[in-house]
């Protein structure tokens, strides 16, 4: 069966399907896309699509073995991330 899967073209999911695959709401996945904290995606004819491989890889970045794991996972929350080096500069999003 693995041989058949290897011969198939990549499978792409729209936002609704990708969100369901990850167990997230569509809105959360859209926020991740906006803030650059989510899985990589592609624009095909104006449509946003995600490859299964990219979704699984992004989810795997948050893999931890215990709550005391020093790594703490690298999947960021779906919100604007502040860059410590730009915190002193004023700009449109400075707070």
Protein backbone atom coordinates (compact mmCIF):
# COMPACT_ATOMS: atom_id res chain seq x y z
CA UNK A 1 0.00 0.00 0.00
CA UNK A 2 2.91 2.36 0.70
CA UNK A 3 4.05 1.87 -2.90
CA UNK A 4 0.70 3.16 -4.16
CA UNK A 5 0.91 6.24 -1.92
CA UNK A 6 4.42 6.99 -3.19
CA UNK A 7 3.12 7.14 -6.77
CA UNK A 8 0.27 9.53 -6.00
CA UNK A 9 0.63 13.26 -6.62
CA UNK A 10 0.81 15.52 -3.55
CA UNK A 11 -2.54 16.04 -1.84
CA UNK A 12 -3.58 19.61 -1.11
CA UNK A 13 -6.24 20.70 1.35
CA UNK A 14 -8.24 23.92 1.41
CA UNK A 15 -8.38 25.93 4.65
CA UNK A 16 -11.48 24.17 6.00
CA UNK A 17 -10.02 20.69 5.42
CA UNK A 18 -6.59 21.69 6.74
CA UNK A 19 -8.11 23.15 9.90
CA UNK A 20 -10.07 19.96 10.48
CA UNK A 21 -6.90 17.89 9.88
CA UNK A 22 -5.04 19.92 12.55
CA UNK A 23 -7.97 20.11 14.96
CA UNK A 24 -8.09 23.91 14.73
CA UNK A 25 -10.82 26.32 13.72
CA UNK A 26 -10.65 27.84 10.26
CA UNK A 27 -10.27 31.28 11.82
CA UNK A 28 -7.27 30.17 13.90
CA UNK A 29 -5.58 28.77 10.80
CA UNK A 30 -6.30 32.03 8.95
CA UNK A 31 -4.72 33.99 11.81
CA UNK A 32 -1.65 31.76 11.70
CA UNK A 33 -1.40 32.49 7.98
CA UNK A 34 -1.73 36.25 8.56
CA UNK A 35 0.91 36.37 11.31
CA UNK A 36 3.29 33.94 9.63
CA UNK A 37 3.17 31.48 12.53
CA UNK A 38 1.36 28.66 10.74
CA UNK A 39 2.19 25.94 8.27
CA UNK A 40 3.47 26.84 4.83
CA UNK A 41 0.80 27.20 2.21
CA UNK A 42 0.46 27.74 -1.51
CA UNK A 43 -1.70 30.06 -3.58
CA UNK A 44 -3.11 28.26 -6.59
CA UNK A 45 -5.33 30.39 -8.76
CA UNK A 46 -6.13 32.66 -5.83
CA UNK A 47 -6.96 29.74 -3.54
CA UNK A 48 -5.00 28.93 -0.42
CA UNK A 49 -4.02 25.27 -0.17
CA UNK A 50 -1.86 23.28 2.24
CA UNK A 51 0.05 20.08 1.49
CA UNK A 52 -0.47 17.20 3.90
CA UNK A 53 3.29 16.99 4.35
CA UNK A 54 3.55 20.66 5.36
CA UNK A 55 0.65 20.35 7.80
CA UNK A 56 2.13 17.27 9.44
CA UNK A 57 5.60 18.85 9.62
CA UNK A 58 4.22 21.99 11.27
CA UNK A 59 2.26 19.94 13.80
CA UNK A 60 5.35 17.84 14.53
CA UNK A 61 7.29 21.00 15.48
CA UNK A 62 5.14 21.14 18.62
CA UNK A 63 5.99 17.58 19.64
CA UNK A 64 7.05 17.33 23.28
CA UNK A 65 7.49 14.39 25.62
CA UNK A 66 6.51 16.05 28.91
CA UNK A 67 5.57 19.39 30.42
CA UNK A 68 9.13 19.73 31.71
CA UNK A 69 10.59 19.37 28.21
CA UNK A 70 12.97 22.38 27.96
CA UNK A 71 12.22 22.78 24.28
CA UNK A 72 8.61 23.64 25.05
CA UNK A 73 7.52 23.14 21.44
CA UNK A 74 8.09 25.61 18.65
CA UNK A 75 4.55 26.06 17.36
CA UNK A 76 3.76 29.68 18.13
CA UNK A 77 0.30 30.97 19.05
CA UNK A 78 -1.82 32.59 16.35
CA UNK A 79 -1.00 36.18 17.25
CA UNK A 80 1.39 38.88 16.17
CA UNK A 81 4.90 37.98 17.28
CA UNK A 82 7.08 40.77 18.57
CA UNK A 83 10.69 40.93 17.54
CA UNK A 84 12.80 41.92 20.58
CA UNK A 85 15.28 43.86 18.40
CA UNK A 86 12.51 46.02 16.91
CA UNK A 87 10.71 46.70 20.20
CA UNK A 88 12.37 50.10 20.56
CA UNK A 89 11.58 51.27 17.06
CA UNK A 90 8.32 52.99 16.36
CA UNK A 91 6.21 51.71 13.55
CA UNK A 92 2.72 50.92 12.53
CA UNK A 93 2.43 47.97 14.93
CA UNK A 94 4.58 49.25 17.77
CA UNK A 95 2.87 49.12 21.15
